[in-house]
Amino acid sequence: MTRRWVVNASPLIVLAHAGQANLLFALADEIVVPRAVANEIEAGRQDDAARRLLATGRLEIVRVPVVPAEIIAWDLGAGETAVLAYAHLTPGWTAVIDDGAARRCARSFLIPHQGTLAVVLQAKKQGIIPSAAEVMRTLRSQGFRLSDAVVSEALRKTVGEAWP
């Protein structure tokens, strides 16, 4: 099964800052970033890790020509809107998003989606990383916010690791 991911700014930024962007490339067969997301990242500091990641050319930057009015009505950020529109309009793509409202929107349109935590859990399950909990601690140190309860339950149920 081919894994095609359209990735929002938050997962790119936090993974790049934590030195874990390689997880995206190890897990997905194809990765795209909507132009709106790239613009958001490129507006950051010149030396920003996510900006440097974009500059490598490893991530294909795509345009989303038409955003359905139903998704616009959710009043999400430009990046989240573009990610969800792309995944909605292009069958076979999964939105990689962390924002709660964007995830609710994805569920309402039956758009396949996952967040940064799911990426880390998949990496652990495939033996790419030795400890999902350790990667989550690193992500947390870089500003990734997710409740201890959510992280703890996901680690315990999915990979059998304890948190914190």
N, C-alpha and C. Protein backbone atom coordinates (compact mmCIF):
# COMPACT_ATOMS: atom_id res chain seq x y z
N MET A 1 0.84 -1.18 0.00
CA MET A 1 0.00 0.00 0.00
C MET A 1 0.89 1.25 0.00
N THR A 2 0.63 2.13 -0.91
CA THR A 2 1.41 3.36 -1.03
C THR A 2 0.93 4.37 0.00
N ARG A 3 1.87 4.96 0.70
CA ARG A 3 1.55 6.00 1.68
C ARG A 3 1.85 7.35 1.05
N ARG A 4 0.77 8.11 0.85
CA ARG A 4 0.90 9.46 0.29
C ARG A 4 0.43 10.45 1.34
N TRP A 5 1.33 11.33 1.74
CA TRP A 5 1.02 12.28 2.79
C TRP A 5 1.10 13.71 2.30
N VAL A 6 0.08 14.49 2.64
CA VAL A 6 0.11 15.94 2.43
C VAL A 6 0.26 16.53 3.83
N VAL A 7 1.37 17.26 4.05
CA VAL A 7 1.79 17.61 5.40
C VAL A 7 1.62 19.10 5.68
N ASN A 8 1.08 19.39 6.86
CA ASN A 8 0.89 20.76 7.32
C ASN A 8 2.16 21.28 8.00
N ALA A 9 2.17 22.56 8.30
CA ALA A 9 3.35 23.22 8.86
C ALA A 9 3.75 22.66 10.22
N SER A 10 2.81 22.48 11.13
CA SER A 10 3.15 22.06 12.49
C SER A 10 3.96 20.76 12.53
N PRO A 11 3.53 19.69 11.86
CA PRO A 11 4.37 18.48 11.88
C PRO A 11 5.75 18.70 11.25
N LEU A 12 5.80 19.45 10.16
CA LEU A 12 7.09 19.72 9.53
C LEU A 12 8.00 20.50 10.46
N ILE A 13 7.46 21.53 11.08
CA ILE A 13 8.27 22.39 11.95
C ILE A 13 8.78 21.62 13.15
N VAL A 14 7.89 20.95 13.87
CA VAL A 14 8.31 20.28 15.10
C VAL A 14 9.26 19.12 14.80
N LEU A 15 9.01 18.36 13.75
CA LEU A 15 9.91 17.26 13.41
C LEU A 15 11.27 17.79 12.95
N ALA A 16 11.28 18.84 12.16
CA ALA A 16 12.55 19.43 11.71
C ALA A 16 13.33 19.99 12.89
N HIS A 17 12.67 20.71 13.76
CA HIS A 17 13.36 21.31 14.92
C HIS A 17 13.93 20.23 15.85
N ALA A 18 13.27 19.09 15.92
CA ALA A 18 13.71 18.01 16.79
C ALA A 18 14.71 17.08 16.10
N GLY A 19 15.05 17.38 14.85
CA GLY A 19 15.97 16.52 14.12
C GLY A 19 15.35 15.19 13.72
N GLN A 20 14.03 15.16 13.57
CA GLN A 20 13.32 13.92 13.28
C GLN A 20 12.56 13.95 11.94
N ALA A 21 12.85 14.90 11.08
CA ALA A 21 12.15 14.98 9.78
C ALA A 21 12.36 13.72 8.94
N ASN A 22 13.46 13.01 9.21
CA ASN A 22 13.72 11.78 8.48
C ASN A 22 12.60 10.76 8.64
N LEU A 23 11.83 10.86 9.73
CA LEU A 23 10.72 9.92 9.94
C LEU A 23 9.69 10.02 8.82
N LEU A 24 9.44 11.24 8.36
CA LEU A 24 8.49 11.42 7.26
C LEU A 24 8.94 10.66 6.03
N PHE A 25 10.22 10.82 5.69
CA PHE A 25 10.75 10.19 4.48
C PHE A 25 10.88 8.68 4.62
N ALA A 26 11.10 8.22 5.84
CA ALA A 26 11.22 6.78 6.08
C ALA A 26 9.87 6.08 6.01
N LEU A 27 8.81 6.81 6.32
CA LEU A 27 7.48 6.19 6.41
C LEU A 27 6.60 6.40 5.18
N ALA A 28 6.71 7.55 4.54
CA ALA A 28 5.82 7.86 3.41
C ALA A 28 6.50 7.58 2.09
N ASP A 29 5.72 7.12 1.14
CA ASP A 29 6.24 6.90 -0.21
C ASP A 29 6.27 8.20 -1.01
N GLU A 30 5.30 9.05 -0.75
CA GLU A 30 5.22 10.36 -1.40
C GLU A 30 4.81 11.39 -0.36
N ILE A 31 5.43 12.56 -0.42
CA ILE A 31 5.10 13.65 0.50
C ILE A 31 4.96 14.92 -0.32
N VAL A 32 3.85 15.64 -0.07
CA VAL A 32 3.67 16.94 -0.70
C VAL A 32 3.35 17.97 0.38
N VAL A 33 3.67 19.21 0.06
CA VAL A 33 3.40 20.33 0.94
C VAL A 33 2.68 21.39 0.11
N PRO A 34 1.47 21.77 0.49
CA PRO A 34 0.79 22.83 -0.26
C PRO A 34 1.57 24.15 -0.20
N ARG A 35 1.46 24.94 -1.25
CA ARG A 35 2.14 26.22 -1.32
C ARG A 35 1.83 27.08 -0.10
N ALA A 36 0.59 27.06 0.39
CA ALA A 36 0.23 27.87 1.56
C ALA A 36 1.04 27.46 2.78
N VAL A 37 1.32 26.18 2.93
CA VAL A 37 2.13 25.69 4.04
C VAL A 37 3.58 26.12 3.84
N ALA A 38 4.08 25.98 2.63
CA ALA A 38 5.45 26.41 2.34
C ALA A 38 5.62 27.90 2.62
N ASN A 39 4.63 28.69 2.25
CA ASN A 39 4.70 30.14 2.51
C ASN A 39 4.81 30.42 4.01
N GLU A 40 4.04 29.69 4.79
CA GLU A 40 4.06 29.85 6.25
C GLU A 40 5.45 29.54 6.81
N ILE A 41 6.04 28.46 6.34
CA ILE A 41 7.37 28.06 6.82
C ILE A 41 8.44 29.03 6.32
N GLU A 42 8.33 29.43 5.07
CA GLU A 42 9.33 30.34 4.49
C GLU A 42 9.29 31.73 5.11
N ALA A 43 8.22 32.06 5.80
CA ALA A 43 8.12 33.35 6.48
C ALA A 43 8.93 33.36 7.78
N GLY A 44 9.42 32.19 8.18
CA GLY A 44 10.21 32.07 9.41
C GLY A 44 11.63 32.56 9.23
N ARG A 45 12.40 32.41 10.29
CA ARG A 45 13.80 32.83 10.27
C ARG A 45 14.58 32.12 9.18
N GLN A 46 15.58 32.77 8.67
CA GLN A 46 16.42 32.23 7.60
C GLN A 46 17.07 30.91 8.02
N ASP A 47 17.46 30.80 9.29
CA ASP A 47 18.16 29.61 9.76
C ASP A 47 17.23 28.56 10.36
N ASP A 48 15.93 28.71 10.19
CA ASP A 48 14.96 27.78 10.75
C ASP A 48 15.12 26.39 10.12
N ALA A 49 15.05 25.36 10.96
CA ALA A 49 15.24 23.98 10.49
C ALA A 49 14.18 23.56 9.47
N ALA A 50 12.94 23.96 9.67
CA ALA A 50 11.88 23.60 8.73
C ALA A 50 12.10 24.32 7.39
N ARG A 51 12.54 25.54 7.46
CA ARG A 51 12.83 26.30 6.23
C ARG A 51 13.99 25.64 5.47
N ARG A 52 15.00 25.19 6.19
CA ARG A 52 16.12 24.49 5.55
C ARG A 52 15.64 23.18 4.93
N LEU A 53 14.71 22.50 5.61
CA LEU A 53 14.16 21.25 5.08
C LEU A 53 13.46 21.51 3.74
N LEU A 54 12.64 22.55 3.69
CA LEU A 54 11.97 22.89 2.42
C LEU A 54 12.98 23.18 1.32
N ALA A 55 14.06 23.86 1.68
CA ALA A 55 15.07 24.26 0.69
C ALA A 55 15.82 23.08 0.10
N THR A 56 15.77 21.92 0.74
CA THR A 56 16.47 20.75 0.21
C THR A 56 15.84 20.24 -1.08
N GLY A 57 14.57 20.58 -1.30
CA GLY A 57 13.88 20.08 -2.49
C GLY A 57 13.33 18.67 -2.33
N ARG A 58 13.47 18.08 -1.15
CA ARG A 58 12.96 16.72 -0.93
C ARG A 58 11.44 16.68 -0.80
N LEU A 59 10.84 17.83 -0.52
CA LEU A 59 9.39 17.92 -0.38
C LEU A 59 8.81 18.61 -1.61
N GLU A 60 7.89 17.95 -2.26
CA GLU A 60 7.25 18.56 -3.43
C GLU A 60 6.22 19.59 -2.95
N ILE A 61 6.35 20.79 -3.46
CA ILE A 61 5.40 21.86 -3.13
C ILE A 61 4.34 21.88 -4.21
N VAL A 62 3.07 21.81 -3.79
CA VAL A 62 1.95 21.72 -4.74
C VAL A 62 0.99 22.88 -4.53
N ARG A 63 0.29 23.21 -5.58
CA ARG A 63 -0.77 24.22 -5.51
C ARG A 63 -2.10 23.49 -5.37
N VAL A 64 -3.00 24.10 -4.63
CA VAL A 64 -4.35 23.57 -4.47
C VAL A 64 -5.24 24.55 -5.23
N PRO A 65 -5.66 24.19 -6.44
CA PRO A 65 -6.35 25.16 -7.29
C PRO A 65 -7.71 25.62 -6.79
N VAL A 66 -8.51 24.69 -6.29
CA VAL A 66 -9.86 25.04 -5.86
C VAL A 66 -10.11 24.44 -4.49
N VAL A 67 -10.42 25.28 -3.53
CA VAL A 67 -10.74 24.80 -2.19
C VAL A 67 -12.26 24.77 -2.08
N PRO A 68 -12.83 23.61 -1.77
CA PRO A 68 -14.29 23.52 -1.64
C PRO A 68 -14.82 24.51 -0.60
N ALA A 69 -15.94 25.13 -0.91
CA ALA A 69 -16.56 26.10 -0.01
C ALA A 69 -16.86 25.49 1.36
N GLU A 70 -17.17 24.21 1.38
CA GLU A 70 -17.47 23.54 2.64
C GLU A 70 -16.27 23.50 3.58
N ILE A 71 -15.07 23.41 3.02
CA ILE A 71 -13.86 23.42 3.84
C ILE A 71 -13.52 24.86 4.23
N ILE A 72 -13.69 25.79 3.31
CA ILE A 72 -13.46 27.21 3.62
C ILE A 72 -14.34 27.64 4.79
N ALA A 73 -15.57 27.12 4.84
CA ALA A 73 -16.52 27.50 5.89
C ALA A 73 -16.01 27.15 7.29
N TRP A 74 -15.05 26.26 7.41
CA TRP A 74 -14.50 25.91 8.72
C TRP A 74 -13.60 27.00 9.28
N ASP A 75 -13.21 27.95 8.45
CA ASP A 75 -12.42 29.11 8.86
C ASP A 75 -11.11 28.69 9.56
N LEU A 76 -10.42 27.76 8.93
CA LEU A 76 -9.13 27.29 9.44
C LEU A 76 -8.03 28.19 8.88
N GLY A 77 -6.81 27.96 9.30
CA GLY A 77 -5.70 28.69 8.72
C GLY A 77 -5.49 28.29 7.27
N ALA A 78 -4.74 29.10 6.55
CA ALA A 78 -4.51 28.84 5.12
C ALA A 78 -3.84 27.49 4.90
N GLY A 79 -2.88 27.14 5.76
CA GLY A 79 -2.19 25.87 5.61
C GLY A 79 -3.10 24.68 5.84
N GLU A 80 -3.82 24.70 6.94
CA GLU A 80 -4.75 23.60 7.25
C GLU A 80 -5.79 23.46 6.15
N THR A 81 -6.31 24.58 5.68
CA THR A 81 -7.32 24.56 4.62
C THR A 81 -6.75 23.91 3.37
N ALA A 82 -5.54 24.29 2.99
CA ALA A 82 -4.92 23.73 1.78
C ALA A 82 -4.62 22.25 1.93
N VAL A 83 -4.13 21.84 3.09
CA VAL A 83 -3.84 20.43 3.33
C VAL A 83 -5.12 19.60 3.22
N LEU A 84 -6.17 20.05 3.88
CA LEU A 84 -7.42 19.30 3.85
C LEU A 84 -8.05 19.30 2.46
N ALA A 85 -7.98 20.41 1.76
CA ALA A 85 -8.53 20.47 0.41
C ALA A 85 -7.78 19.50 -0.51
N TYR A 86 -6.47 19.47 -0.41
CA TYR A 86 -5.68 18.58 -1.25
C TYR A 86 -6.04 17.12 -0.97
N ALA A 87 -6.08 16.75 0.31
CA ALA A 87 -6.41 15.37 0.66
C ALA A 87 -7.85 15.01 0.26
N HIS A 88 -8.74 15.99 0.34
CA HIS A 88 -10.14 15.77 -0.02
C HIS A 88 -10.31 15.60 -1.54
N LEU A 89 -9.58 16.40 -2.29
CA LEU A 89 -9.73 16.41 -3.75
C LEU A 89 -8.86 15.38 -4.45
N THR A 90 -7.89 14.81 -3.74
CA THR A 90 -6.94 13.88 -4.36
C THR A 90 -7.02 12.54 -3.62
N PRO A 91 -7.82 11.62 -4.12
CA PRO A 91 -7.98 10.32 -3.44
C PRO A 91 -6.63 9.64 -3.22
N GLY A 92 -6.54 8.99 -2.06
CA GLY A 92 -5.33 8.24 -1.74
C GLY A 92 -4.32 9.00 -0.91
N TRP A 93 -4.62 10.26 -0.58
CA TRP A 93 -3.69 11.07 0.21
C TRP A 93 -4.22 11.21 1.63
N THR A 94 -3.30 11.20 2.58
CA THR A 94 -3.61 11.38 4.00
C THR A 94 -3.09 12.73 4.45
N ALA A 95 -3.93 13.47 5.15
CA ALA A 95 -3.54 14.77 5.71
C ALA A 95 -2.77 14.51 7.01
N VAL A 96 -1.60 15.11 7.13
CA VAL A 96 -0.82 15.03 8.36
C VAL A 96 -0.96 16.39 9.04
N ILE A 97 -1.83 16.44 10.05
CA ILE A 97 -2.20 17.70 10.71
C ILE A 97 -2.31 17.48 12.21
N ASP A 98 -1.99 18.51 12.97
CA ASP A 98 -2.09 18.42 14.42
C ASP A 98 -3.21 19.28 15.00
N ASP A 99 -3.59 20.32 14.31
CA ASP A 99 -4.60 21.26 14.81
C ASP A 99 -5.94 20.55 15.06
N GLY A 100 -6.49 20.77 16.26
CA GLY A 100 -7.73 20.11 16.64
C GLY A 100 -8.91 20.42 15.73
N ALA A 101 -9.11 21.69 15.40
CA ALA A 101 -10.23 22.05 14.52
C ALA A 101 -10.05 21.44 13.13
N ALA A 102 -8.83 21.42 12.64
CA ALA A 102 -8.57 20.83 11.33
C ALA A 102 -8.84 19.33 11.35
N ARG A 103 -8.52 18.68 12.44
CA ARG A 103 -8.79 17.24 12.56
C ARG A 103 -10.30 16.97 12.62
N ARG A 104 -11.02 17.84 13.31
CA ARG A 104 -12.50 17.70 13.34
C ARG A 104 -13.06 17.88 11.92
N CYS A 105 -12.54 18.85 11.20
CA CYS A 105 -12.97 19.08 9.82
C CYS A 105 -12.67 17.83 8.98
N ALA A 106 -11.49 17.28 9.12
CA ALA A 106 -11.13 16.07 8.37
C ALA A 106 -12.10 14.94 8.66
N ARG A 107 -12.42 14.75 9.94
CA ARG A 107 -13.37 13.69 10.29
C ARG A 107 -14.74 13.93 9.64
N SER A 108 -15.18 15.18 9.64
CA SER A 108 -16.50 15.47 9.09
C SER A 108 -16.59 15.20 7.60
N PHE A 109 -15.46 15.30 6.88
CA PHE A 109 -15.44 15.04 5.45
C PHE A 109 -14.86 13.67 5.12
N LEU A 110 -14.61 12.87 6.17
CA LEU A 110 -14.03 11.53 6.01
C LEU A 110 -12.69 11.58 5.27
N ILE A 111 -11.91 12.62 5.56
CA ILE A 111 -10.58 12.77 4.98
C ILE A 111 -9.61 11.97 5.84
N PRO A 112 -8.88 11.04 5.25
CA PRO A 112 -7.89 10.31 6.03
C PRO A 112 -6.88 11.30 6.63
N HIS A 113 -6.59 11.14 7.91
CA HIS A 113 -5.67 12.07 8.55
C HIS A 113 -4.97 11.40 9.73
N GLN A 114 -3.86 11.98 10.10
CA GLN A 114 -3.10 11.56 11.27
C GLN A 114 -2.27 12.74 11.71
N GLY A 115 -1.72 12.64 12.92
CA GLY A 115 -0.90 13.72 13.44
C GLY A 115 0.53 13.28 13.65
N THR A 116 1.29 14.18 14.21
CA THR A 116 2.70 13.92 14.47
C THR A 116 2.88 12.72 15.40
N LEU A 117 2.04 12.59 16.41
CA LEU A 117 2.13 11.45 17.32
C LEU A 117 2.00 10.14 16.56
N ALA A 118 1.08 10.06 15.63
CA ALA A 118 0.90 8.84 14.83
C ALA A 118 2.14 8.54 14.00
N VAL A 119 2.78 9.57 13.48
CA VAL A 119 4.02 9.38 12.72
C VAL A 119 5.07 8.73 13.62
N VAL A 120 5.22 9.24 14.82
CA VAL A 120 6.20 8.70 15.77
C VAL A 120 5.86 7.25 16.13
N LEU A 121 4.60 6.97 16.38
CA LEU A 121 4.18 5.61 16.72
C LEU A 121 4.43 4.64 15.57
N GLN A 122 4.17 5.07 14.36
CA GLN A 122 4.44 4.22 13.19
C GLN A 122 5.94 3.94 13.07
N ALA A 123 6.75 4.96 13.33
CA ALA A 123 8.20 4.79 13.25
C ALA A 123 8.68 3.76 14.27
N LYS A 124 8.13 3.80 15.45
CA LYS A 124 8.50 2.82 16.48
C LYS A 124 8.05 1.43 16.06
N LYS A 125 6.82 1.29 15.60
CA LYS A 125 6.29 -0.01 15.20
C LYS A 125 7.09 -0.62 14.06
N GLN A 126 7.66 0.21 13.19
CA GLN A 126 8.44 -0.30 12.07
C GLN A 126 9.93 -0.43 12.39
N GLY A 127 10.29 -0.15 13.64
CA GLY A 127 11.68 -0.32 14.06
C GLY A 127 12.62 0.78 13.57
N ILE A 128 12.07 1.91 13.16
CA ILE A 128 12.89 3.02 12.67
C ILE A 128 13.52 3.77 13.84
N ILE A 129 12.81 3.82 14.96
CA ILE A 129 13.33 4.46 16.17
C ILE A 129 13.26 3.45 17.31
N PRO A 130 14.17 3.54 18.28
CA PRO A 130 14.14 2.59 19.39
C PRO A 130 13.08 2.92 20.44
N SER A 131 12.72 4.21 20.57
CA SER A 131 11.78 4.60 21.61
C SER A 131 10.90 5.75 21.15
N ALA A 132 9.60 5.50 21.11
CA ALA A 132 8.65 6.56 20.76
C ALA A 132 8.58 7.58 21.89
N ALA A 133 8.68 7.13 23.12
CA ALA A 133 8.62 8.04 24.27
C ALA A 133 9.78 9.03 24.23
N GLU A 134 10.95 8.57 23.88
CA GLU A 134 12.12 9.46 23.81
C GLU A 134 11.93 10.50 22.71
N VAL A 135 11.42 10.09 21.56
CA VAL A 135 11.17 11.05 20.48
C VAL A 135 10.11 12.05 20.91
N MET A 136 9.08 11.58 21.60
CA MET A 136 8.04 12.50 22.08
C MET A 136 8.61 13.50 23.08
N ARG A 137 9.53 13.07 23.93
CA ARG A 137 10.18 14.01 24.86
C ARG A 137 10.95 15.07 24.08
N THR A 138 11.64 14.65 23.04
CA THR A 138 12.39 15.60 22.21
C THR A 138 11.43 16.57 21.52
N LEU A 139 10.34 16.06 20.98
CA LEU A 139 9.36 16.93 20.33
C LEU A 139 8.79 17.92 21.33
N ARG A 140 8.50 17.45 22.53
CA ARG A 140 7.98 18.34 23.58
C ARG A 140 8.98 19.46 23.87
N SER A 141 10.27 19.14 23.90
CA SER A 141 11.29 20.14 24.19
C SER A 141 11.37 21.19 23.08
N GLN A 142 10.82 20.85 21.92
CA GLN A 142 10.81 21.77 20.78
C GLN A 142 9.47 22.48 20.63
N GLY A 143 8.61 22.36 21.63
CA GLY A 143 7.36 23.11 21.63
C GLY A 143 6.13 22.34 21.19
N PHE A 144 6.25 21.06 20.90
CA PHE A 144 5.08 20.28 20.51
C PHE A 144 4.16 20.12 21.71
N ARG A 145 2.90 20.46 21.52
CA ARG A 145 1.94 20.40 22.62
C ARG A 145 0.89 19.34 22.36
N LEU A 146 0.80 18.43 23.30
CA LEU A 146 -0.21 17.39 23.29
C LEU A 146 -0.32 16.93 24.74
N SER A 147 -1.51 16.70 25.20
CA SER A 147 -1.69 16.40 26.62
C SER A 147 -0.96 15.12 27.03
N ASP A 148 -0.49 15.11 28.27
CA ASP A 148 0.16 13.92 28.81
C ASP A 148 -0.75 12.71 28.73
N ALA A 149 -2.04 12.92 28.97
CA ALA A 149 -3.00 11.80 28.93
C ALA A 149 -3.05 11.17 27.54
N VAL A 150 -3.11 11.99 26.52
CA VAL A 150 -3.17 11.48 25.14
C VAL A 150 -1.88 10.74 24.79
N VAL A 151 -0.75 11.35 25.10
CA VAL A 151 0.54 10.72 24.79
C VAL A 151 0.69 9.41 25.56
N SER A 152 0.37 9.44 26.83
CA SER A 152 0.50 8.25 27.68
C SER A 152 -0.35 7.10 27.15
N GLU A 153 -1.60 7.37 26.86
CA GLU A 153 -2.49 6.31 26.37
C GLU A 153 -2.03 5.77 25.02
N ALA A 154 -1.64 6.66 24.12
CA ALA A 154 -1.19 6.22 22.79
C ALA A 154 0.08 5.37 22.88
N LEU A 155 1.02 5.79 23.69
CA LEU A 155 2.25 5.02 23.84
C LEU A 155 1.97 3.65 24.45
N ARG A 156 1.16 3.64 25.48
CA ARG A 156 0.85 2.38 26.17
C ARG A 156 0.12 1.41 25.24
N LYS A 157 -0.94 1.89 24.58
CA LYS A 157 -1.77 1.02 23.74
C LYS A 157 -1.08 0.60 22.45
N THR A 158 -0.30 1.50 21.86
CA THR A 158 0.23 1.24 20.54
C THR A 158 1.60 0.54 20.55
N VAL A 159 2.49 1.00 21.43
CA VAL A 159 3.85 0.44 21.41
C VAL A 159 4.31 -0.07 22.77
N GLY A 160 3.42 -0.03 23.77
CA GLY A 160 3.76 -0.59 25.07
C GLY A 160 4.81 0.19 25.85
N GLU A 161 4.90 1.48 25.62
CA GLU A 161 5.87 2.30 26.35
C GLU A 161 5.16 3.16 27.38
N ALA A 162 5.90 3.50 28.43
CA ALA A 162 5.36 4.34 29.50
C ALA A 162 5.68 5.81 29.24
N TRP A 163 4.83 6.68 29.78
CA TRP A 163 5.02 8.13 29.69
C TRP A 163 4.74 8.73 31.04
N PRO A 164 5.42 9.69 31.52
CA PRO A 164 6.65 10.28 30.99
C PRO A 164 7.86 9.50 31.33
